[in-house]
Protein backbone atom coordinates (compact mmCIF):
# COMPACT_ATOMS: atom_id res chain seq x y z
CA MET A 1 0.35 0.01 -0.07
CA GLN A 2 1.38 3.63 -0.65
CA GLU A 3 2.10 5.84 1.93
CA HIS A 4 1.18 9.52 1.54
CA GLY A 5 0.98 10.80 5.35
CA ASP A 6 -2.38 11.49 6.13
CA VAL A 7 -3.54 11.67 2.55
CA SER A 8 -4.76 8.49 1.96
CA SER A 9 -6.95 8.17 5.28
CA ASP A 10 -8.46 11.92 4.69
CA PRO A 11 -12.24 11.29 5.68
CA PHE A 12 -13.04 13.15 2.74
CA LEU A 13 -11.88 10.53 0.63
CA ASP A 14 -14.20 8.33 2.38
CA SER A 15 -17.56 10.41 1.43
CA LEU A 16 -16.37 11.27 -2.13
CA GLN A 17 -15.76 7.27 -2.72
CA ALA A 18 -19.01 6.36 -1.42
CA ARG A 19 -20.98 9.24 -3.25
CA THR A 20 -19.16 8.15 -6.32
CA PHE A 21 -19.53 4.20 -6.06
CA ALA A 22 -23.48 4.88 -5.65
CA PHE A 23 -23.55 6.32 -9.14
CA PHE A 24 -22.43 2.89 -10.88
CA TRP A 25 -24.42 1.06 -8.35
CA GLU A 26 -27.62 2.72 -8.35
CA THR A 27 -28.03 3.96 -11.97
CA ALA A 28 -27.55 0.75 -13.61
CA HIS A 29 -30.28 -0.39 -15.90
CA PRO A 30 -32.19 -3.17 -13.69
CA GLU A 31 -32.49 -5.53 -16.45
CA THR A 32 -29.16 -5.13 -18.60
CA ALA A 33 -27.12 -3.87 -15.86
CA LEU A 34 -25.68 -1.44 -18.33
CA ILE A 35 -24.26 1.94 -17.06
CA PRO A 36 -25.65 5.24 -18.40
CA ASP A 37 -23.50 7.77 -19.99
CA ARG A 38 -24.80 10.38 -18.06
CA TRP A 39 -27.17 11.22 -15.24
CA PRO A 40 -29.76 12.04 -14.65
CA THR A 41 -30.30 13.37 -18.08
CA ARG A 42 -31.91 9.96 -19.92
CA THR A 43 -29.58 8.72 -22.45
CA PHE A 44 -27.88 5.74 -24.05
CA SER A 45 -25.03 3.34 -22.19
CA SER A 46 -21.29 4.14 -22.72
CA VAL A 47 -19.68 0.74 -22.79
CA ALA A 48 -16.71 2.63 -21.32
CA ALA A 49 -18.68 3.47 -18.44
CA VAL A 50 -19.53 -0.19 -18.05
CA GLY A 51 -16.13 -0.83 -18.07
CA PHE A 52 -15.49 1.50 -14.98
CA GLY A 53 -18.33 0.27 -13.48
CA LEU A 54 -17.17 -3.39 -13.32
CA SER A 55 -14.05 -1.97 -11.61
CA ALA A 56 -16.21 0.07 -9.18
CA TYR A 57 -18.24 -2.72 -7.92
CA LEU A 58 -14.81 -3.93 -6.75
CA VAL A 59 -13.96 -1.21 -4.79
CA GLY A 60 -17.48 -1.36 -3.20
CA ILE A 61 -16.87 -4.96 -2.14
CA GLU A 62 -13.64 -4.04 -0.72
CA ARG A 63 -15.00 -0.47 1.25
CA GLY A 64 -18.01 -2.50 2.79
CA TYR A 65 -20.71 -0.49 0.44
CA ILE A 66 -21.72 -4.04 -0.59
CA SER A 67 -21.25 -7.77 -0.17
CA ARG A 68 -19.15 -9.98 -2.23
CA GLU A 69 -22.22 -12.07 -3.02
CA GLN A 70 -24.09 -8.63 -4.19
CA GLY A 71 -21.52 -7.49 -6.25
CA ALA A 72 -20.66 -11.16 -7.70
CA GLU A 73 -24.22 -11.24 -8.88
CA ARG A 74 -24.19 -7.86 -10.42
CA VAL A 75 -20.94 -8.32 -12.42
CA TYR A 76 -21.94 -11.91 -13.33
CA ARG A 77 -25.22 -10.39 -15.31
CA THR A 78 -23.37 -7.59 -16.71
CA LEU A 79 -20.73 -10.08 -18.42
CA ARG A 80 -23.90 -12.64 -19.35
CA PHE A 81 -25.84 -9.84 -20.51
CA LEU A 82 -22.79 -8.53 -22.87
CA TRP A 83 -21.78 -12.22 -24.01
CA GLU A 84 -25.54 -13.13 -25.02
CA ALA A 85 -25.93 -9.59 -26.75
CA PRO A 86 -26.23 -10.26 -30.62
CA GLN A 87 -23.26 -9.45 -32.62
CA GLY A 88 -23.02 -8.86 -36.43
CA ARG A 89 -22.65 -6.46 -39.64
CA ASP A 90 -26.33 -5.57 -39.29
CA ARG A 91 -26.66 -1.62 -39.00
CA THR A 92 -29.11 -2.45 -36.14
CA ARG A 93 -30.42 -4.49 -33.42
CA VAL A 94 -26.76 -5.57 -32.39
CA ALA A 95 -24.59 -4.67 -29.65
CA GLY A 96 -21.46 -5.33 -31.41
CA TYR A 97 -19.01 -7.09 -34.23
CA LYS A 98 -16.18 -9.18 -34.16
CA GLY A 99 -16.01 -9.12 -30.27
CA PHE A 100 -15.67 -4.97 -30.34
CA PHE A 101 -18.52 -3.29 -29.06
CA TYR A 102 -20.48 0.02 -30.12
CA HIS A 103 -19.66 3.21 -28.32
CA PHE A 104 -23.07 3.69 -27.29
CA LEU A 105 -25.63 1.22 -26.36
CA GLU A 106 -29.54 1.28 -26.00
CA MET A 107 -29.96 1.04 -22.50
CA ASP A 108 -33.04 -1.45 -21.95
CA SER A 109 -32.32 -3.89 -25.25
CA GLY A 110 -28.21 -3.15 -25.58
CA HIS A 111 -28.52 -2.75 -29.54
CA ARG A 112 -26.37 0.15 -31.28
CA PHE A 113 -27.57 3.74 -30.43
CA GLN A 114 -28.46 5.42 -33.40
CA GLN A 115 -25.40 5.12 -35.69
CA VAL A 116 -22.53 5.24 -33.57
CA GLU A 117 -19.19 3.57 -34.22
CA LEU A 118 -17.80 0.50 -33.42
CA SER A 119 -15.40 1.34 -31.00
CA SER A 120 -11.50 0.20 -30.38
CA ILE A 121 -10.85 2.09 -27.54
CA ASP A 122 -14.29 1.99 -25.60
CA THR A 123 -14.20 -1.60 -25.92
CA ALA A 124 -10.68 -1.74 -24.50
CA LEU A 125 -11.75 0.11 -21.60
CA LEU A 126 -14.67 -2.33 -21.13
CA MET A 127 -12.56 -5.27 -21.41
CA ALA A 128 -10.23 -3.52 -18.56
CA GLY A 129 -13.05 -3.63 -16.32
CA VAL A 130 -14.10 -7.02 -17.52
CA LEU A 131 -10.60 -8.52 -17.00
CA SER A 132 -10.19 -6.66 -13.24
CA ALA A 133 -13.38 -8.49 -12.39
CA GLN A 134 -11.90 -11.68 -13.52
CA ALA A 135 -8.93 -11.14 -11.42
CA TYR A 136 -11.12 -10.27 -8.48
CA PHE A 137 -13.55 -13.05 -8.18
CA ASP A 138 -11.58 -15.93 -7.98
CA GLY A 139 -13.66 -18.12 -5.67
CA ASP A 140 -14.60 -21.89 -6.40
CA ASP A 141 -18.33 -21.23 -6.43
CA PRO A 142 -20.56 -21.48 -9.36
CA MET A 143 -20.86 -17.59 -10.10
CA GLU A 144 -17.37 -16.62 -9.62
CA ARG A 145 -16.23 -19.52 -11.95
CA ALA A 146 -18.62 -18.04 -14.22
CA ILE A 147 -17.61 -14.72 -14.08
CA ARG A 148 -13.93 -15.78 -15.02
CA ALA A 149 -15.28 -17.91 -17.98
CA TYR A 150 -17.34 -15.26 -19.27
CA ALA A 151 -14.15 -12.77 -18.88
CA ASP A 152 -12.30 -14.86 -21.04
CA SER A 153 -14.62 -15.52 -23.57
CA LEU A 154 -15.49 -11.80 -23.96
CA TYR A 155 -12.10 -10.77 -24.26
CA GLN A 156 -10.52 -13.89 -26.40
CA ARG A 157 -13.63 -12.96 -28.89
CA VAL A 158 -12.37 -9.28 -29.67
CA GLU A 159 -10.44 -9.58 -33.35
CA TRP A 160 -8.10 -6.73 -32.35
CA ASP A 161 -6.23 -7.47 -35.87
CA TRP A 162 -9.23 -6.95 -37.68
CA MET A 163 -9.01 -3.36 -36.38
CA GLN A 164 -6.18 -2.50 -38.43
CA PRO A 165 -7.05 -1.39 -41.85
CA ARG A 166 -3.46 0.40 -41.92
CA PRO A 167 -1.28 -2.03 -40.16
CA PRO A 168 0.67 -2.09 -37.76
CA LEU A 169 -1.50 0.71 -35.90
CA ILE A 170 -5.15 0.39 -34.56
CA ALA A 171 -7.65 2.10 -36.06
CA MET A 172 -10.05 4.06 -33.90
CA GLY A 173 -13.43 2.36 -34.97
CA TRP A 174 -15.82 1.09 -37.64
CA HIS A 175 -19.22 2.14 -39.37
CA PRO A 176 -21.23 -0.86 -41.15
CA GLU A 177 -22.48 1.94 -43.04
CA ARG A 178 -18.74 3.34 -44.42
CA GLY A 179 -16.26 1.00 -42.99
CA TYR A 180 -13.25 1.82 -41.25
CA HIS A 181 -12.25 5.08 -39.29
CA THR A 182 -9.96 7.26 -41.37
CA HIS A 183 -7.86 7.54 -38.41
CA ASP A 184 -5.50 5.48 -36.31
CA TYR A 185 -4.44 5.83 -32.40
CA THR A 186 -1.13 7.64 -33.10
CA GLY A 187 0.24 9.73 -30.49
CA TYR A 188 0.21 9.54 -26.62
CA SER A 189 -3.28 9.32 -25.83
CA GLU A 190 -5.60 6.82 -23.53
CA ALA A 191 -4.89 3.93 -26.44
CA MET A 192 -2.01 2.63 -24.41
CA ILE A 193 -4.41 0.71 -22.74
CA LEU A 194 -5.75 -1.03 -26.08
CA TYR A 195 -2.64 -1.34 -27.35
CA VAL A 196 -1.46 -3.60 -24.16
CA LEU A 197 -4.84 -5.64 -24.42
CA ALA A 198 -4.39 -5.96 -28.16
CA LEU A 199 -1.11 -7.18 -27.75
CA GLY A 200 -2.07 -9.96 -25.08
CA SER A 201 -4.51 -11.33 -26.60
CA PRO A 202 -4.02 -15.19 -27.33
CA THR A 203 -6.71 -15.09 -30.09
CA PHE A 204 -6.33 -12.45 -32.58
CA PRO A 205 -3.09 -10.24 -31.33
CA VAL A 206 -1.80 -7.41 -32.99
CA ASP A 207 2.28 -7.85 -33.77
CA PRO A 208 4.62 -6.23 -31.28
CA GLU A 209 5.37 -3.42 -34.09
CA ALA A 210 2.31 -1.98 -33.44
CA TRP A 211 3.71 -0.75 -30.35
CA GLU A 212 6.43 0.60 -31.75
CA ALA A 213 4.68 2.16 -34.65
CA TRP A 214 2.81 3.99 -31.95
CA THR A 215 5.33 5.37 -29.81
CA SER A 216 7.01 6.53 -32.46
CA THR A 217 4.79 9.06 -33.11
CA TYR A 218 5.05 10.50 -29.52
CA GLN A 219 5.68 14.23 -28.87
CA TRP A 220 8.10 15.04 -26.46
CA GLY A 221 8.91 18.49 -24.92
CA THR A 222 8.44 20.66 -22.29
CA PHE A 223 5.39 22.80 -21.05
CA TYR A 224 4.95 24.90 -18.10
CA GLY A 225 8.48 23.65 -16.68
CA GLN A 226 7.43 19.95 -16.95
CA THR A 227 9.34 17.73 -19.68
CA PHE A 228 7.32 14.76 -20.81
CA VAL A 229 5.58 12.90 -23.67
CA GLN A 230 2.61 15.60 -24.59
CA TYR A 231 -0.93 15.11 -24.79
CA SER A 232 -3.41 18.11 -23.74
CA PRO A 233 -6.58 16.71 -21.77
CA LEU A 234 -5.58 14.68 -18.53
CA PHE A 235 -7.75 11.88 -18.93
CA THR A 236 -5.11 10.72 -21.66
CA HIS A 237 -2.55 10.72 -18.79
CA GLN A 238 -5.21 8.70 -16.86
CA TYR A 239 -7.14 6.28 -18.24
CA SER A 240 -4.55 3.31 -18.87
CA HIS A 241 -3.09 3.92 -15.47
CA VAL A 242 -6.24 3.00 -13.86
CA TRP A 243 -5.98 -0.56 -14.29
CA ILE A 244 -1.97 -0.83 -15.23
CA ASP A 245 0.76 -0.11 -12.88
CA PHE A 246 3.13 1.58 -14.62
CA ARG A 247 5.42 2.55 -11.75
CA GLY A 248 9.11 1.10 -12.42
CA ILE A 249 8.31 -0.47 -15.74
CA GLN A 250 9.68 0.90 -18.80
CA ASP A 251 9.48 0.27 -22.41
CA ALA A 252 11.99 1.11 -25.23
CA TYR A 253 11.15 4.88 -25.33
CA MET A 254 10.91 5.66 -21.53
CA ARG A 255 14.19 3.82 -20.79
CA ALA A 256 15.67 6.06 -23.52
CA LYS A 257 14.15 9.02 -21.62
CA GLY A 258 15.18 7.76 -18.03
CA ILE A 259 11.74 7.89 -16.75
CA ASP A 260 8.54 5.63 -16.76
CA TYR A 261 4.79 6.38 -17.52
CA PHE A 262 3.76 7.07 -14.32
CA GLU A 263 6.22 10.13 -13.79
CA ASN A 264 5.18 10.91 -17.18
CA SER A 265 1.42 11.35 -15.85
CA ARG A 266 2.71 13.27 -12.64
CA ARG A 267 4.74 16.07 -14.86
CA ALA A 268 1.76 16.23 -17.31
CA THR A 269 -0.69 16.92 -13.95
CA LEU A 270 2.15 19.35 -12.56
CA ALA A 271 2.03 20.85 -15.86
CA GLN A 272 -1.57 21.69 -15.81
CA ARG A 273 -1.67 22.93 -12.46
CA ALA A 274 1.30 25.21 -13.19
CA TYR A 275 -0.54 26.26 -16.19
CA ALA A 276 -3.60 27.16 -14.06
CA ILE A 277 -1.69 28.91 -11.77
CA GLU A 278 -0.28 31.19 -14.79
CA ASN A 279 -3.82 31.54 -16.11
CA PRO A 280 -2.71 33.16 -19.36
CA ASP A 281 -6.38 33.78 -20.34
CA GLY A 282 -7.30 35.08 -17.28
CA TRP A 283 -10.52 32.82 -16.76
CA ARG A 284 -12.52 33.55 -13.32
CA GLY A 285 -11.73 30.89 -10.29
CA TYR A 286 -8.46 29.71 -11.48
CA GLY A 287 -5.22 28.64 -9.03
CA PRO A 288 -3.14 26.50 -7.18
CA ASP A 289 -6.24 25.09 -5.57
CA VAL A 290 -8.66 25.21 -8.65
CA TRP A 291 -7.42 23.40 -11.74
CA GLY A 292 -7.68 20.68 -14.37
CA LEU A 293 -8.78 20.51 -18.11
CA THR A 294 -9.83 17.51 -19.77
CA ALA A 295 -12.83 16.07 -21.85
CA CYS A 296 -15.99 17.04 -20.17
CA ASP A 297 -19.22 18.91 -20.22
CA GLY A 298 -19.39 22.76 -21.06
CA PRO A 299 -21.86 25.70 -20.83
CA MET A 300 -22.88 25.61 -24.70
CA ASP A 301 -21.10 26.82 -27.55
CA THR A 302 -21.25 30.42 -28.35
CA THR A 303 -18.99 33.26 -28.21
CA VAL A 304 -19.60 36.09 -26.42
CA VAL A 305 -17.96 39.43 -25.01
CA ILE A 306 -16.85 39.61 -21.06
CA GLN A 307 -15.66 42.79 -20.15
CA GLY A 308 -14.24 43.80 -23.47
CA VAL A 309 -12.76 40.70 -24.12
CA GLN A 310 -14.26 38.14 -26.77
CA ARG A 311 -14.65 34.91 -25.19
CA ARG A 312 -15.62 31.41 -27.11
CA PHE A 313 -17.35 28.58 -24.68
CA ARG A 314 -18.08 25.30 -25.90
CA SER A 315 -20.27 22.44 -24.64
CA TYR A 316 -18.69 18.96 -24.36
CA ALA A 317 -15.12 19.09 -25.68
CA ALA A 318 -11.70 17.75 -25.16
CA ARG A 319 -10.12 20.67 -23.18
CA GLY A 320 -6.49 20.51 -22.14
CA ALA A 321 -3.18 22.07 -22.31
CA SER A 322 -0.20 20.89 -23.59
CA LEU A 323 2.24 21.18 -26.39
CA VAL A 324 -0.12 19.58 -28.73
CA TYR A 325 -3.05 22.15 -28.35
CA ILE A 326 -4.55 24.48 -25.99
CA MET A 327 -8.48 24.13 -25.62
CA ASP A 328 -9.37 26.45 -22.77
CA ASP A 329 -12.70 27.83 -22.33
CA GLY A 330 -12.91 28.55 -18.36
CA THR A 331 -14.24 25.01 -17.81
CA ILE A 332 -12.69 22.80 -14.78
CA ALA A 333 -13.63 19.31 -14.30
CA PRO A 334 -13.29 17.83 -11.04
CA THR A 335 -12.38 14.33 -12.75
CA ALA A 336 -8.97 16.18 -14.05
CA ALA A 337 -7.57 16.32 -10.11
CA GLY A 338 -9.60 12.80 -9.24
CA GLY A 339 -8.32 10.93 -11.64
CA SER A 340 -4.40 12.10 -10.93
CA LEU A 341 -4.83 11.43 -7.13
CA PRO A 342 -2.23 9.18 -7.24
CA PHE A 343 0.31 11.22 -9.23
CA THR A 344 -0.13 14.39 -6.87
CA PRO A 345 -1.93 13.10 -3.84
CA GLU A 346 -1.92 16.37 -1.63
CA LEU A 347 -2.18 18.69 -4.58
CA SER A 348 -4.92 16.68 -6.29
CA LEU A 349 -6.96 16.34 -2.60
CA ARG A 350 -6.44 19.91 -1.65
CA ALA A 351 -8.09 20.96 -5.41
CA LEU A 352 -11.05 18.44 -4.79
CA LYS A 353 -11.48 19.68 -1.33
CA THR A 354 -11.30 23.64 -2.35
CA MET A 355 -13.64 23.22 -4.98
CA LYS A 356 -16.09 21.44 -3.01
CA GLU A 357 -15.93 24.17 -0.47
CA ARG A 358 -15.76 27.11 -2.51
CA TYR A 359 -19.15 25.75 -4.80
CA GLY A 360 -20.67 23.82 -2.65
CA GLU A 361 -24.17 22.10 -3.44
CA GLY A 362 -23.49 23.80 -6.91
CA LEU A 363 -21.13 21.17 -7.68
CA TRP A 364 -21.33 18.59 -5.04
CA GLY A 365 -24.19 16.28 -5.02
CA GLN A 366 -25.87 13.17 -4.63
CA TYR A 367 -23.20 10.99 -6.69
CA GLY A 368 -20.52 13.25 -5.68
CA PHE A 369 -18.99 16.01 -8.18
CA LEU A 370 -21.22 17.06 -10.79
CA ASP A 371 -19.27 16.72 -14.27
CA ALA A 372 -17.70 20.15 -14.67
CA PHE A 373 -18.22 24.30 -13.62
CA ASN A 374 -17.20 27.54 -15.44
CA PRO A 375 -16.90 30.46 -13.11
CA THR A 376 -16.62 32.90 -16.00
CA PHE A 377 -19.75 32.00 -17.92
CA GLN A 378 -22.56 34.31 -16.19
CA LEU A 379 -25.18 34.08 -18.77
CA THR A 380 -28.31 33.48 -16.99
CA GLU A 381 -30.26 34.12 -20.04
CA ALA A 382 -28.47 31.47 -21.94
CA ARG A 383 -30.61 28.72 -23.33
CA LEU A 384 -28.59 25.71 -21.85
CA ARG A 385 -28.60 22.16 -23.01
CA HIS A 386 -26.65 20.91 -19.80
CA GLY A 387 -26.43 22.57 -16.28
CA ARG A 388 -27.21 25.68 -14.88
CA VAL A 389 -26.06 29.36 -14.24
CA VAL A 390 -25.82 30.26 -10.59
CA PRO A 391 -25.56 34.27 -10.23
CA GLY A 392 -22.25 35.08 -8.92
CA LEU A 393 -20.87 31.82 -9.35
CA GLY A 394 -20.86 30.63 -12.89
CA TRP A 395 -22.24 28.06 -14.93
CA PHE A 396 -22.52 24.35 -13.02
CA ASP A 397 -23.30 20.85 -14.76
CA THR A 398 -26.54 19.17 -13.79
CA ASP A 399 -24.95 15.77 -14.88
CA TYR A 400 -22.79 13.09 -13.69
CA LEU A 401 -20.94 11.37 -16.46
CA GLY A 402 -19.71 7.92 -16.02
CA ILE A 403 -16.35 8.20 -17.79
CA ASP A 404 -15.60 10.87 -15.58
CA GLN A 405 -16.90 9.35 -12.56
CA GLY A 406 -14.94 6.26 -12.86
CA PRO A 407 -11.51 7.70 -12.86
CA ILE A 408 -12.40 9.56 -9.59
CA LEU A 409 -13.42 6.50 -7.58
CA LEU A 410 -10.48 4.15 -8.98
CA MET A 411 -7.77 6.21 -8.91
CA ALA A 412 -8.79 7.12 -5.73
CA GLU A 413 -8.70 3.57 -4.50
CA ASN A 414 -5.17 3.00 -6.18
CA LEU A 415 -4.13 5.66 -3.98
CA ARG A 416 -5.30 4.28 -0.86
CA SER A 417 -5.06 0.43 -1.63
CA GLU A 418 -3.59 0.04 -4.86
CA LEU A 419 -6.59 -2.43 -5.48
CA LEU A 420 -6.67 -2.33 -9.49
CA TRP A 421 -2.74 -2.30 -9.36
CA ARG A 422 -2.75 -5.32 -7.49
CA LEU A 423 -5.14 -7.19 -9.37
CA MET A 424 -4.41 -6.71 -13.08
CA ARG A 425 -0.55 -7.57 -11.99
CA GLN A 426 -1.99 -10.77 -11.37
CA SER A 427 -4.03 -10.87 -15.13
CA PRO A 428 -1.91 -12.80 -17.59
CA TYR A 429 -3.07 -10.96 -20.70
CA ILE A 430 -1.78 -7.78 -19.23
CA VAL A 431 1.21 -9.22 -18.31
CA ARG A 432 1.60 -10.73 -21.89
CA GLY A 433 0.60 -7.66 -23.45
CA LEU A 434 3.40 -5.76 -21.51
CA LYS A 435 5.86 -7.90 -22.17
CA ARG A 436 5.05 -8.01 -26.13
CA ALA A 437 5.26 -4.41 -26.23
CA GLY A 438 9.00 -4.59 -24.56
CA PHE A 439 8.21 -3.39 -21.25
CA SER A 440 10.77 -4.74 -18.27
CA GLY A 441 11.55 -3.66 -14.95
CA GLY A 442 10.18 -3.66 -11.38
CA TRP A 443 7.18 -6.29 -10.71
CA LEU A 444 6.94 -7.17 -14.54
CA ASP A 445 10.52 -9.05 -14.31
CA ARG A 446 8.59 -11.31 -11.37
CA LYS A 447 6.38 -12.51 -14.22
CA GLU A 448 6.83 -15.32 -16.79
CA MET A 449 5.17 -14.71 -20.16
CA PRO A 450 2.06 -16.79 -19.45
CA GLU A 451 0.73 -19.39 -21.47
CA ILE A 452 -2.39 -18.64 -22.08
CA PRO A 453 -5.50 -21.30 -22.79
CA ARG A 454 -7.25 -20.44 -25.95
CA VAL A 455 -10.93 -20.39 -25.73
CA ILE A 456 -11.83 -21.38 -29.23
CA HIS A 457 -13.56 -18.57 -31.23
CA GLU A 458 -13.96 -18.59 -35.16
CA ARG A 459 -13.52 -15.56 -36.96
CA GLN A 460 -16.97 -13.76 -38.00
CA PRO A 461 -17.38 -13.51 -41.40
């Protein structure tokens, strides 16, 4: 267990985790067990949020919010539904194709929502949650054995190498209407977990050249006093770290730089905080304890003049700051600091507590932090799609987003007990993927390349 003075035992983390866990436990569909993309606005399910939810249930058991039997039953129902959900080339009434899942699914049927893409990264985030449940439920009773079997079947069914129209890189997605997405995953991003899982597959793996090709597109540089692999939204420096313990292990790229990916994320977090302290655009509220740009909701897409300065605001957007790009409209997302708790424990915790104390119930509610807020946006007459304007305080979201709740809960737990890291260090698929990517050092050197029995899956036509 990590030790960070009194930080990991701060009682604020108890209330933060309890409320954030309740989002996943209480908003899941009663029949399909799918997690909504957002709440309370009625929407579709995000398969990435389902992945976060599967890991959230494990935290709930460990923290005593639910029993092991309750958690196992929920995980079992989720995995069984995902396994039985129809797959195929059809444009409607299917959940996925070739083992991948569509980005968004209808909550009640599990079928593709409208014309969203078959998503490689969202499937990877889902599978990370699936494999964490497989590692956790190691008992001999029928339900826990079934969980492990469903997890194997779901993961080994994914035809990762099919999602390579331009090998060795992996494409972002596929549409039955128009084929593969025109872009591959290049440049440092949240796709690290995607490449590791694709490399670790015993059934449809990608070649090790995929990792080398991907890392060759990194942008290394210095931003606000920190030198690291650049990318702008903080979620890209957090998602893969939710499940993989990158401390002390290095691939060829990081060996050449003399750091590991954990340190890289720490530096990215510190750079964002330094950016907020300088606050070059003069946004209201920014400072040493209010910071964090990442993908999140925002007030609306509009441009207005405030005190003689033209200000452009956005609705949902991938906000961030690095050498790659700066997208900053004054909107802060608590998940940016929350997802960095293991990297900068004292600074992240202080930021979260300051946001709660300063903005109160405008930002803190039934399930912990609402998704985002913008103190600069004061247009009380604006017609907002999401959120509300509190006179004198600014715009506050009224929704919680599953993919932003997940990092808060799970990274808080990694700070406190290293739960997800400990579990995934035992996953043969993660170990295999990391080794095939060329990682070595630390805990990984104590693991042999695992021999994994294949679950028989024929390629879908």
